Amino acid sequence: MRFQRAIRAITGKWKIEIMCSLIMGPLRFGQLRRALPGITQHMLTEQLRALAADGIVIRIQFPEIPPRVEYELTRAGKDLIPLFAMIRDWALRYEAELGFAQDGEG
């Protein structure tokens, strides 16, 4: 059950793309939207809330005017980075054999 819970926490529409966008550091909501062409504001909000609820992303609100909010991977989220790299390497190794479409993504 723990494995299934972990998989549910990181899978879902746009979750992996959001986490990968945050690998280089914190981003504001608008920056995330621009980094993820095709995601709607509603979907981004929904997925960020789910990732935060699962402890993978943290929402940081700065006491400034105008308000500034950033999203960042937590320690648990950062621990997923090597896993994503392994999955990317696996996909590159087997893309021809498994018939993965070559879409130019890294």
PDB file of N, CA and C in Angstrom:
ATOM      1  N   MET A   1       0.817  -1.206   0.000  1.00  0.00           N
ATOM      2  CA  MET A   1       0.000   0.000   0.000  1.00  0.00           C
ATOM      3  C   MET A   1       0.858   1.267   0.000  1.00  0.00           C
ATOM      4  N   ARG A   2       1.997   1.240   0.672  1.00  0.00           N
ATOM      5  CA  ARG A   2       2.846   2.433   0.690  1.00  0.00           C
ATOM      6  C   ARG A   2       3.329   2.776  -0.705  1.00  0.00           C
ATOM      7  N   PHE A   3       3.703   1.747  -1.465  1.00  0.00           N
ATOM      8  CA  PHE A   3       4.170   1.979  -2.829  1.00  0.00           C
ATOM      9  C   PHE A   3       3.064   2.624  -3.659  1.00  0.00           C
ATOM     10  N   GLN A   4       1.858   2.086  -3.557  1.00  0.00           N
ATOM     11  CA  GLN A   4       0.739   2.635  -4.323  1.00  0.00           C
ATOM     12  C   GLN A   4       0.445   4.073  -3.917  1.00  0.00           C
ATOM     13  N   ARG A   5       0.533   4.352  -2.636  1.00  0.00           N
ATOM     14  CA  ARG A   5       0.308   5.724  -2.146  1.00  0.00           C
ATOM     15  C   ARG A   5       1.363   6.668  -2.715  1.00  0.00           C
ATOM     16  N   ALA A   6       2.608   6.221  -2.737  1.00  0.00           N
ATOM     17  CA  ALA A   6       3.691   7.045  -3.282  1.00  0.00           C
ATOM     18  C   ALA A   6       3.481   7.300  -4.768  1.00  0.00           C
ATOM     19  N   ILE A   7       3.094   6.277  -5.498  1.00  0.00           N
ATOM     20  CA  ILE A   7       2.851   6.435  -6.935  1.00  0.00           C
ATOM     21  C   ILE A   7       1.700   7.409  -7.175  1.00  0.00           C
ATOM     22  N   ARG A   8       0.635   7.296  -6.400  1.00  0.00           N
ATOM     23  CA  ARG A   8      -0.492   8.223  -6.550  1.00  0.00           C
ATOM     24  C   ARG A   8      -0.068   9.664  -6.271  1.00  0.00           C
ATOM     25  N   ALA A   9       0.861   9.848  -5.333  1.00  0.00           N
ATOM     26  CA  ALA A   9       1.303  11.199  -4.975  1.00  0.00           C
ATOM     27  C   ALA A   9       2.047  11.885  -6.114  1.00  0.00           C
ATOM     28  N   ILE A  10       2.754  11.116  -6.931  1.00  0.00           N
ATOM     29  CA  ILE A  10       3.566  11.740  -7.982  1.00  0.00           C
ATOM     30  C   ILE A  10       2.979  11.608  -9.377  1.00  0.00           C
ATOM     31  N   THR A  11       1.918  10.819  -9.519  1.00  0.00           N
ATOM     32  CA  THR A  11       1.317  10.695 -10.842  1.00  0.00           C
ATOM     33  C   THR A  11       0.019  11.480 -10.887  1.00  0.00           C
ATOM     34  N   GLY A  12      -0.400  11.742 -12.053  1.00  0.00           N
ATOM     35  CA  GLY A  12      -1.591  12.546 -12.257  1.00  0.00           C
ATOM     36  C   GLY A  12      -1.278  13.561 -13.329  1.00  0.00           C
ATOM     37  N   LYS A  13      -2.304  14.110 -13.877  1.00  0.00           N
ATOM     38  CA  LYS A  13      -2.118  15.047 -14.975  1.00  0.00           C
ATOM     39  C   LYS A  13      -1.253  16.221 -14.540  1.00  0.00           C
ATOM     40  N   TRP A  14      -0.111  16.362 -15.167  1.00  0.00           N
ATOM     41  CA  TRP A  14       0.826  17.471 -15.009  1.00  0.00           C
ATOM     42  C   TRP A  14       1.727  17.401 -13.781  1.00  0.00           C
ATOM     43  N   LYS A  15       1.543  16.477 -12.855  1.00  0.00           N
ATOM     44  CA  LYS A  15       2.354  16.486 -11.631  1.00  0.00           C
ATOM     45  C   LYS A  15       3.843  16.332 -11.918  1.00  0.00           C
ATOM     46  N   ILE A  16       4.206  15.379 -12.746  1.00  0.00           N
ATOM     47  CA  ILE A  16       5.628  15.167 -13.027  1.00  0.00           C
ATOM     48  C   ILE A  16       6.201  16.379 -13.749  1.00  0.00           C
ATOM     49  N   GLU A  17       5.456  16.956 -14.678  1.00  0.00           N
ATOM     50  CA  GLU A  17       5.922  18.144 -15.382  1.00  0.00           C
ATOM     51  C   GLU A  17       6.133  19.309 -14.416  1.00  0.00           C
ATOM     52  N   ILE A  18       5.227  19.463 -13.461  1.00  0.00           N
ATOM     53  CA  ILE A  18       5.364  20.525 -12.458  1.00  0.00           C
ATOM     54  C   ILE A  18       6.615  20.292 -11.624  1.00  0.00           C
ATOM     55  N   MET A  19       6.792  19.064 -11.138  1.00  0.00           N
ATOM     56  CA  MET A  19       7.971  18.765 -10.317  1.00  0.00           C
ATOM     57  C   MET A  19       9.256  18.995 -11.099  1.00  0.00           C
ATOM     58  N   CYS A  20       9.288  18.573 -12.349  1.00  0.00           N
ATOM     59  CA  CYS A  20      10.492  18.772 -13.170  1.00  0.00           C
ATOM     60  C   CYS A  20      10.760  20.255 -13.397  1.00  0.00           C
ATOM     61  N   SER A  21       9.716  21.060 -13.512  1.00  0.00           N
ATOM     62  CA  SER A  21       9.897  22.501 -13.681  1.00  0.00           C
ATOM     63  C   SER A  21      10.507  23.141 -12.439  1.00  0.00           C
ATOM     64  N   LEU A  22      10.280  22.532 -11.285  1.00  0.00           N
ATOM     65  CA  LEU A  22      10.783  23.091 -10.026  1.00  0.00           C
ATOM     66  C   LEU A  22      12.161  22.563  -9.642  1.00  0.00           C
ATOM     67  N   ILE A  23      12.737  21.694 -10.455  1.00  0.00           N
ATOM     68  CA  ILE A  23      14.040  21.107 -10.122  1.00  0.00           C
ATOM     69  C   ILE A  23      15.114  22.178  -9.964  1.00  0.00           C
ATOM     70  N   MET A  24      15.095  23.190 -10.808  1.00  0.00           N
ATOM     71  CA  MET A  24      16.142  24.212 -10.772  1.00  0.00           C
ATOM     72  C   MET A  24      15.935  25.240  -9.664  1.00  0.00           C
ATOM     73  N   GLY A  25      14.788  25.198  -9.001  1.00  0.00           N
ATOM     74  CA  GLY A  25      14.550  26.132  -7.907  1.00  0.00           C
ATOM     75  C   GLY A  25      13.119  26.625  -7.890  1.00  0.00           C
ATOM     76  N   PRO A  26      12.816  27.473  -6.915  1.00  0.00           N
ATOM     77  CA  PRO A  26      11.447  27.957  -6.744  1.00  0.00           C
ATOM     78  C   PRO A  26      10.969  28.786  -7.936  1.00  0.00           C
ATOM     79  N   LEU A  27       9.671  28.701  -8.188  1.00  0.00           N
ATOM     80  CA  LEU A  27       9.045  29.484  -9.253  1.00  0.00           C
ATOM     81  C   LEU A  27       7.730  30.060  -8.754  1.00  0.00           C
ATOM     82  N   ARG A  28       7.375  31.197  -9.319  1.00  0.00           N
ATOM     83  CA  ARG A  28       6.067  31.783  -9.048  1.00  0.00           C
ATOM     84  C   ARG A  28       5.034  31.101  -9.945  1.00  0.00           C
ATOM     85  N   PHE A  29       3.770  31.288  -9.599  1.00  0.00           N
ATOM     86  CA  PHE A  29       2.682  30.644 -10.337  1.00  0.00           C
ATOM     87  C   PHE A  29       2.755  30.971 -11.830  1.00  0.00           C
ATOM     88  N   GLY A  30       2.922  32.238 -12.161  1.00  0.00           N
ATOM     89  CA  GLY A  30       2.980  32.648 -13.559  1.00  0.00           C
ATOM     90  C   GLY A  30       4.161  32.041 -14.297  1.00  0.00           C
ATOM     91  N   GLN A  31       5.285  31.909 -13.611  1.00  0.00           N
ATOM     92  CA  GLN A  31       6.456  31.284 -14.222  1.00  0.00           C
ATOM     93  C   GLN A  31       6.183  29.811 -14.527  1.00  0.00           C
ATOM     94  N   LEU A  32       5.503  29.146 -13.607  1.00  0.00           N
ATOM     95  CA  LEU A  32       5.134  27.747 -13.839  1.00  0.00           C
ATOM     96  C   LEU A  32       4.190  27.632 -15.033  1.00  0.00           C
ATOM     97  N   ARG A  33       3.218  28.524 -15.121  1.00  0.00           N
ATOM     98  CA  ARG A  33       2.276  28.493 -16.255  1.00  0.00           C
ATOM     99  C   ARG A  33       3.006  28.642 -17.572  1.00  0.00           C
ATOM    100  N   ARG A  34       3.976  29.557 -17.614  1.00  0.00           N
ATOM    101  CA  ARG A  34       4.733  29.764 -18.852  1.00  0.00           C
ATOM    102  C   ARG A  34       5.635  28.571 -19.163  1.00  0.00           C
ATOM    103  N   ALA A  35       6.114  27.901 -18.129  1.00  0.00           N
ATOM    104  CA  ALA A  35       6.994  26.743 -18.326  1.00  0.00           C
ATOM    105  C   ALA A  35       6.221  25.513 -18.797  1.00  0.00           C
ATOM    106  N   LEU A  36       4.905  25.531 -18.630  1.00  0.00           N
ATOM    107  CA  LEU A  36       4.067  24.373 -18.952  1.00  0.00           C
ATOM    108  C   LEU A  36       2.978  24.764 -19.950  1.00  0.00           C
ATOM    109  N   PRO A  37       3.344  24.974 -21.214  1.00  0.00           N
ATOM    110  CA  PRO A  37       2.336  25.350 -22.206  1.00  0.00           C
ATOM    111  C   PRO A  37       1.219  24.309 -22.261  1.00  0.00           C
ATOM    112  N   GLY A  38       0.005  24.797 -22.260  1.00  0.00           N
ATOM    113  CA  GLY A  38      -1.134  23.889 -22.353  1.00  0.00           C
ATOM    114  C   GLY A  38      -1.832  23.634 -21.033  1.00  0.00           C
ATOM    115  N   ILE A  39      -1.181  23.927 -19.913  1.00  0.00           N
ATOM    116  CA  ILE A  39      -1.831  23.708 -18.620  1.00  0.00           C
ATOM    117  C   ILE A  39      -2.757  24.892 -18.335  1.00  0.00           C
ATOM    118  N   THR A  40      -3.930  24.600 -17.813  1.00  0.00           N
ATOM    119  CA  THR A  40      -4.852  25.673 -17.456  1.00  0.00           C
ATOM    120  C   THR A  40      -4.534  26.167 -16.051  1.00  0.00           C
ATOM    121  N   GLN A  41      -4.991  27.357 -15.754  1.00  0.00           N
ATOM    122  CA  GLN A  41      -4.790  27.924 -14.420  1.00  0.00           C
ATOM    123  C   GLN A  41      -5.430  27.023 -13.366  1.00  0.00           C
ATOM    124  N   HIS A  42      -6.625  26.542 -13.654  1.00  0.00           N
ATOM    125  CA  HIS A  42      -7.332  25.666 -12.716  1.00  0.00           C
ATOM    126  C   HIS A  42      -6.552  24.373 -12.467  1.00  0.00           C
ATOM    127  N   MET A  43      -6.060  23.754 -13.531  1.00  0.00           N
ATOM    128  CA  MET A  43      -5.321  22.497 -13.392  1.00  0.00           C
ATOM    129  C   MET A  43      -4.028  22.712 -12.614  1.00  0.00           C
ATOM    130  N   LEU A  44      -3.310  23.794 -12.903  1.00  0.00           N
ATOM    131  CA  LEU A  44      -2.072  24.071 -12.181  1.00  0.00           C
ATOM    132  C   LEU A  44      -2.359  24.274 -10.701  1.00  0.00           C
ATOM    133  N   THR A  45      -3.385  25.031 -10.388  1.00  0.00           N
ATOM    134  CA  THR A  45      -3.766  25.256  -8.991  1.00  0.00           C
ATOM    135  C   THR A  45      -4.106  23.936  -8.305  1.00  0.00           C
ATOM    136  N   GLU A  46      -4.905  23.123  -8.963  1.00  0.00           N
ATOM    137  CA  GLU A  46      -5.335  21.832  -8.407  1.00  0.00           C
ATOM    138  C   GLU A  46      -4.140  20.907  -8.145  1.00  0.00           C
ATOM    139  N   GLN A  47      -3.243  20.816  -9.109  1.00  0.00           N
ATOM    140  CA  GLN A  47      -2.099  19.912  -8.966  1.00  0.00           C
ATOM    141  C   GLN A  47      -1.098  20.430  -7.938  1.00  0.00           C
ATOM    142  N   LEU A  48      -0.891  21.749  -7.870  1.00  0.00           N
ATOM    143  CA  LEU A  48      -0.005  22.307  -6.840  1.00  0.00           C
ATOM    144  C   LEU A  48      -0.563  22.035  -5.445  1.00  0.00           C
ATOM    145  N   ARG A  49      -1.863  22.169  -5.285  1.00  0.00           N
ATOM    146  CA  ARG A  49      -2.488  21.873  -3.982  1.00  0.00           C
ATOM    147  C   ARG A  49      -2.302  20.407  -3.608  1.00  0.00           C
ATOM    148  N   ALA A  50      -2.475  19.518  -4.579  1.00  0.00           N
ATOM    149  CA  ALA A  50      -2.306  18.085  -4.314  1.00  0.00           C
ATOM    150  C   ALA A  50      -0.857  17.767  -3.959  1.00  0.00           C
ATOM    151  N   LEU A  51       0.089  18.339  -4.700  1.00  0.00           N
ATOM    152  CA  LEU A  51       1.508  18.102  -4.412  1.00  0.00           C
ATOM    153  C   LEU A  51       1.887  18.663  -3.043  1.00  0.00           C
ATOM    154  N   ALA A  52       1.314  19.800  -2.680  1.00  0.00           N
ATOM    155  CA  ALA A  52       1.579  20.379  -1.359  1.00  0.00           C
ATOM    156  C   ALA A  52       0.969  19.508  -0.261  1.00  0.00           C
ATOM    157  N   ALA A  53      -0.241  19.014  -0.486  1.00  0.00           N
ATOM    158  CA  ALA A  53      -0.898  18.156   0.507  1.00  0.00           C
ATOM    159  C   ALA A  53      -0.114  16.874   0.740  1.00  0.00           C
ATOM    160  N   ASP A  54       0.581  16.402  -0.299  1.00  0.00           N
ATOM    161  CA  ASP A  54       1.378  15.181  -0.180  1.00  0.00           C
ATOM    162  C   ASP A  54       2.809  15.453   0.273  1.00  0.00           C
ATOM    163  N   GLY A  55       3.130  16.722   0.549  1.00  0.00           N
ATOM    164  CA  GLY A  55       4.449  17.053   1.075  1.00  0.00           C
ATOM    165  C   GLY A  55       5.559  17.067   0.046  1.00  0.00           C
ATOM    166  N   ILE A  56       5.218  17.209  -1.219  1.00  0.00           N
ATOM    167  CA  ILE A  56       6.220  17.188  -2.285  1.00  0.00           C
ATOM    168  C   ILE A  56       6.610  18.608  -2.705  1.00  0.00           C
ATOM    169  N   VAL A  57       5.661  19.517  -2.602  1.00  0.00           N
ATOM    170  CA  VAL A  57       5.882  20.922  -2.949  1.00  0.00           C
ATOM    171  C   VAL A  57       5.447  21.763  -1.761  1.00  0.00           C
ATOM    172  N   ILE A  58       6.147  22.865  -1.561  1.00  0.00           N
ATOM    173  CA  ILE A  58       5.744  23.804  -0.518  1.00  0.00           C
ATOM    174  C   ILE A  58       5.389  25.132  -1.172  1.00  0.00           C
ATOM    175  N   ARG A  59       4.361  25.756  -0.640  1.00  0.00           N
ATOM    176  CA  ARG A  59       3.924  27.080  -1.102  1.00  0.00           C
ATOM    177  C   ARG A  59       4.479  28.089  -0.110  1.00  0.00           C
ATOM    178  N   ILE A  60       5.290  29.010  -0.616  1.00  0.00           N
ATOM    179  CA  ILE A  60       5.918  30.007   0.246  1.00  0.00           C
ATOM    180  C   ILE A  60       5.303  31.364  -0.067  1.00  0.00           C
ATOM    181  N   GLN A  61       4.655  31.956   0.944  1.00  0.00           N
ATOM    182  CA  GLN A  61       4.042  33.268   0.771  1.00  0.00           C
ATOM    183  C   GLN A  61       4.907  34.294   1.490  1.00  0.00           C
ATOM    184  N   PHE A  62       5.369  35.289   0.752  1.00  0.00           N
ATOM    185  CA  PHE A  62       6.232  36.316   1.309  1.00  0.00           C
ATOM    186  C   PHE A  62       5.385  37.487   1.810  1.00  0.00           C
ATOM    187  N   PRO A  63       5.758  38.057   2.960  1.00  0.00           N
ATOM    188  CA  PRO A  63       4.992  39.181   3.521  1.00  0.00           C
ATOM    189  C   PRO A  63       5.349  40.491   2.806  1.00  0.00           C
ATOM    190  N   GLU A  64       4.941  40.592   1.563  1.00  0.00           N
ATOM    191  CA  GLU A  64       5.262  41.756   0.744  1.00  0.00           C
ATOM    192  C   GLU A  64       3.994  42.300   0.109  1.00  0.00           C
ATOM    193  N   ILE A  65       4.084  43.543  -0.320  1.00  0.00           N
ATOM    194  CA  ILE A  65       3.004  44.140  -1.096  1.00  0.00           C
ATOM    195  C   ILE A  65       3.637  44.646  -2.376  1.00  0.00           C
ATOM    196  N   PRO A  66       3.196  44.197  -3.542  1.00  0.00           N
ATOM    197  CA  PRO A  66       2.126  43.216  -3.727  1.00  0.00           C
ATOM    198  C   PRO A  66       2.556  41.829  -3.260  1.00  0.00           C
ATOM    199  N   PRO A  67       1.576  40.988  -2.946  1.00  0.00           N
ATOM    200  CA  PRO A  67       1.881  39.643  -2.448  1.00  0.00           C
ATOM    201  C   PRO A  67       2.719  38.847  -3.453  1.00  0.00           C
ATOM    202  N   ARG A  68       3.627  38.068  -2.915  1.00  0.00           N
ATOM    203  CA  ARG A  68       4.462  37.198  -3.756  1.00  0.00           C
ATOM    204  C   ARG A  68       4.408  35.794  -3.177  1.00  0.00           C
ATOM    205  N   VAL A  69       4.129  34.827  -4.048  1.00  0.00           N
ATOM    206  CA  VAL A  69       4.058  33.418  -3.654  1.00  0.00           C
ATOM    207  C   VAL A  69       4.965  32.632  -4.583  1.00  0.00           C
ATOM    208  N   GLU A  70       5.746  31.731  -4.006  1.00  0.00           N
ATOM    209  CA  GLU A  70       6.595  30.848  -4.795  1.00  0.00           C
ATOM    210  C   GLU A  70       6.315  29.407  -4.402  1.00  0.00           C
ATOM    211  N   TYR A  71       6.590  28.527  -5.336  1.00  0.00           N
ATOM    212  CA  TYR A  71       6.449  27.092  -5.109  1.00  0.00           C
ATOM    213  C   TYR A  71       7.820  26.464  -5.242  1.00  0.00           C
ATOM    214  N   GLU A  72       8.102  25.529  -4.336  1.00  0.00           N
ATOM    215  CA  GLU A  72       9.420  24.908  -4.300  1.00  0.00           C
ATOM    216  C   GLU A  72       9.272  23.443  -3.910  1.00  0.00           C
ATOM    217  N   LEU A  73      10.174  22.615  -4.410  1.00  0.00           N
ATOM    218  CA  LEU A  73      10.191  21.216  -3.989  1.00  0.00           C
ATOM    219  C   LEU A  73      10.632  21.135  -2.534  1.00  0.00           C
ATOM    220  N   THR A  74       9.978  20.290  -1.774  1.00  0.00           N
ATOM    221  CA  THR A  74      10.413  20.015  -0.406  1.00  0.00           C
ATOM    222  C   THR A  74      11.605  19.061  -0.460  1.00  0.00           C
ATOM    223  N   ARG A  75      12.136  18.726   0.691  1.00  0.00           N
ATOM    224  CA  ARG A  75      13.226  17.747   0.717  1.00  0.00           C
ATOM    225  C   ARG A  75      12.756  16.435   0.095  1.00  0.00           C
ATOM    226  N   ALA A  76      11.530  16.030   0.422  1.00  0.00           N
ATOM    227  CA  ALA A  76      10.978  14.796  -0.161  1.00  0.00           C
ATOM    228  C   ALA A  76      10.856  14.927  -1.677  1.00  0.00           C
ATOM    229  N   GLY A  77      10.446  16.095  -2.149  1.00  0.00           N
ATOM    230  CA  GLY A  77      10.347  16.322  -3.587  1.00  0.00           C
ATOM    231  C   GLY A  77      11.707  16.291  -4.261  1.00  0.00           C
ATOM    232  N   LYS A  78      12.696  16.899  -3.619  1.00  0.00           N
ATOM    233  CA  LYS A  78      14.058  16.903  -4.180  1.00  0.00           C
ATOM    234  C   LYS A  78      14.644  15.498  -4.215  1.00  0.00           C
ATOM    235  N   ASP A  79      14.248  14.665  -3.272  1.00  0.00           N
ATOM    236  CA  ASP A  79      14.733  13.278  -3.270  1.00  0.00           C
ATOM    237  C   ASP A  79      14.222  12.484  -4.472  1.00  0.00           C
ATOM    238  N   LEU A  80      13.210  12.991  -5.154  1.00  0.00           N
ATOM    239  CA  LEU A  80      12.685  12.325  -6.352  1.00  0.00           C
ATOM    240  C   LEU A  80      13.523  12.616  -7.600  1.00  0.00           C
ATOM    241  N   ILE A  81      14.358  13.638  -7.564  1.00  0.00           N
ATOM    242  CA  ILE A  81      15.124  14.042  -8.752  1.00  0.00           C
ATOM    243  C   ILE A  81      15.953  12.895  -9.325  1.00  0.00           C
ATOM    244  N   PRO A  82      16.720  12.152  -8.502  1.00  0.00           N
ATOM    245  CA  PRO A  82      17.477  11.031  -9.077  1.00  0.00           C
ATOM    246  C   PRO A  82      16.566   9.969  -9.709  1.00  0.00           C
ATOM    247  N   LEU A  83      15.394   9.774  -9.136  1.00  0.00           N
ATOM    248  CA  LEU A  83      14.438   8.819  -9.702  1.00  0.00           C
ATOM    249  C   LEU A  83      13.990   9.266 -11.090  1.00  0.00           C
ATOM    250  N   PHE A  84      13.694  10.556 -11.237  1.00  0.00           N
ATOM    251  CA  PHE A  84      13.298  11.073 -12.545  1.00  0.00           C
ATOM    252  C   PHE A  84      14.427  10.923 -13.556  1.00  0.00           C
ATOM    253  N   ALA A  85      15.661  11.148 -13.121  1.00  0.00           N
ATOM    254  CA  ALA A  85      16.816  10.986 -14.018  1.00  0.00           C
ATOM    255  C   ALA A  85      16.948   9.529 -14.453  1.00  0.00           C
ATOM    256  N   MET A  86      16.714   8.609 -13.534  1.00  0.00           N
ATOM    257  CA  MET A  86      16.784   7.183 -13.873  1.00  0.00           C
ATOM    258  C   MET A  86      15.692   6.810 -14.875  1.00  0.00           C
ATOM    259  N   ILE A  87      14.499   7.338 -14.690  1.00  0.00           N
ATOM    260  CA  ILE A  87      13.399   7.051 -15.614  1.00  0.00           C
ATOM    261  C   ILE A  87      13.711   7.637 -16.991  1.00  0.00           C
ATOM    262  N   ARG A  88      14.261   8.858 -17.025  1.00  0.00           N
ATOM    263  CA  ARG A  88      14.658   9.461 -18.301  1.00  0.00           C
ATOM    264  C   ARG A  88      15.699   8.593 -19.006  1.00  0.00           C
ATOM    265  N   ASP A  89      16.711   8.142 -18.257  1.00  0.00           N
ATOM    266  CA  ASP A  89      17.757   7.294 -18.839  1.00  0.00           C
ATOM    267  C   ASP A  89      17.182   5.974 -19.345  1.00  0.00           C
ATOM    268  N   TRP A  90      16.257   5.399 -18.598  1.00  0.00           N
ATOM    269  CA  TRP A  90      15.600   4.160 -19.009  1.00  0.00           C
ATOM    270  C   TRP A  90      14.836   4.384 -20.316  1.00  0.00           C
ATOM    271  N   ALA A  91      14.109   5.499 -20.394  1.00  0.00           N
ATOM    272  CA  ALA A  91      13.339   5.797 -21.604  1.00  0.00           C
ATOM    273  C   ALA A  91      14.257   5.972 -22.808  1.00  0.00           C
ATOM    274  N   LEU A  92      15.384   6.635 -22.606  1.00  0.00           N
ATOM    275  CA  LEU A  92      16.340   6.810 -23.705  1.00  0.00           C
ATOM    276  C   LEU A  92      16.917   5.473 -24.153  1.00  0.00           C
ATOM    277  N   ARG A  93      17.204   4.617 -23.192  1.00  0.00           N
ATOM    278  CA  ARG A  93      17.800   3.317 -23.494  1.00  0.00           C
ATOM    279  C   ARG A  93      16.839   2.430 -24.289  1.00  0.00           C
ATOM    280  N   TYR A  94      15.558   2.484 -23.967  1.00  0.00           N
ATOM    281  CA  TYR A  94      14.593   1.552 -24.559  1.00  0.00           C
ATOM    282  C   TYR A  94      13.589   2.194 -25.515  1.00  0.00           C
ATOM    283  N   GLU A  95      13.791   3.454 -25.888  1.00  0.00           N
ATOM    284  CA  GLU A  95      12.779   4.129 -26.699  1.00  0.00           C
ATOM    285  C   GLU A  95      12.513   3.428 -28.028  1.00  0.00           C
ATOM    286  N   ALA A  96      13.541   2.953 -28.699  1.00  0.00           N
ATOM    287  CA  ALA A  96      13.329   2.269 -29.984  1.00  0.00           C
ATOM    288  C   ALA A  96      12.646   0.923 -29.772  1.00  0.00           C
ATOM    289  N   GLU A  97      13.118   0.179 -28.787  1.00  0.00           N
ATOM    290  CA  GLU A  97      12.573  -1.153 -28.511  1.00  0.00           C
ATOM    291  C   GLU A  97      11.114  -1.095 -28.068  1.00  0.00           C
ATOM    292  N   LEU A  98      10.780  -0.094 -27.280  1.00  0.00           N
ATOM    293  CA  LEU A  98       9.425   0.010 -26.749  1.00  0.00           C
ATOM    294  C   LEU A  98       8.520   0.901 -27.591  1.00  0.00           C
ATOM    295  N   GLY A  99       9.091   1.490 -28.633  1.00  0.00           N
ATOM    296  CA  GLY A  99       8.273   2.291 -29.541  1.00  0.00           C
ATOM    297  C   GLY A  99       7.865   3.640 -28.995  1.00  0.00           C
ATOM    298  N   PHE A 100       8.680   4.206 -28.105  1.00  0.00           N
ATOM    299  CA  PHE A 100       8.364   5.540 -27.597  1.00  0.00           C
ATOM    300  C   PHE A 100       8.458   6.539 -28.731  1.00  0.00           C
ATOM    301  N   ALA A 101       7.498   7.434 -28.794  1.00  0.00           N
ATOM    302  CA  ALA A 101       7.531   8.489 -29.806  1.00  0.00           C
ATOM    303  C   ALA A 101       8.680   9.438 -29.499  1.00  0.00           C
ATOM    304  N   GLN A 102       9.332   9.888 -30.519  1.00  0.00           N
ATOM    305  CA  GLN A 102      10.418  10.850 -30.342  1.00  0.00           C
ATOM    306  C   GLN A 102       9.803  12.239 -30.405  1.00  0.00           C
ATOM    307  N   ASP A 103       9.567  12.812 -29.231  1.00  0.00           N
ATOM    308  CA  ASP A 103       8.890  14.104 -29.169  1.00  0.00           C
ATOM    309  C   ASP A 103       9.825  15.246 -28.810  1.00  0.00           C
ATOM    310  N   GLY A 104      11.112  14.979 -28.733  1.00  0.00           N
ATOM    311  CA  GLY A 104      12.065  16.036 -28.460  1.00  0.00           C
ATOM    312  C   GLY A 104      12.214  16.402 -27.004  1.00  0.00           C
ATOM    313  N   GLU A 105      11.511  15.722 -26.115  1.00  0.00           N
ATOM    314  CA  GLU A 105      11.634  16.015 -24.694  1.00  0.00           C
ATOM    315  C   GLU A 105      12.870  15.344 -24.141  1.00  0.00           C
ATOM    316  N   GLY A 106      13.460  15.985 -23.109  1.00  0.00           N
ATOM    317  CA  GLY A 106      14.665  15.452 -22.498  1.00  0.00           C
ATOM    318  C   GLY A 106      14.425  14.759 -21.288  1.00  0.00           C
TER     319      GLY A 106
END
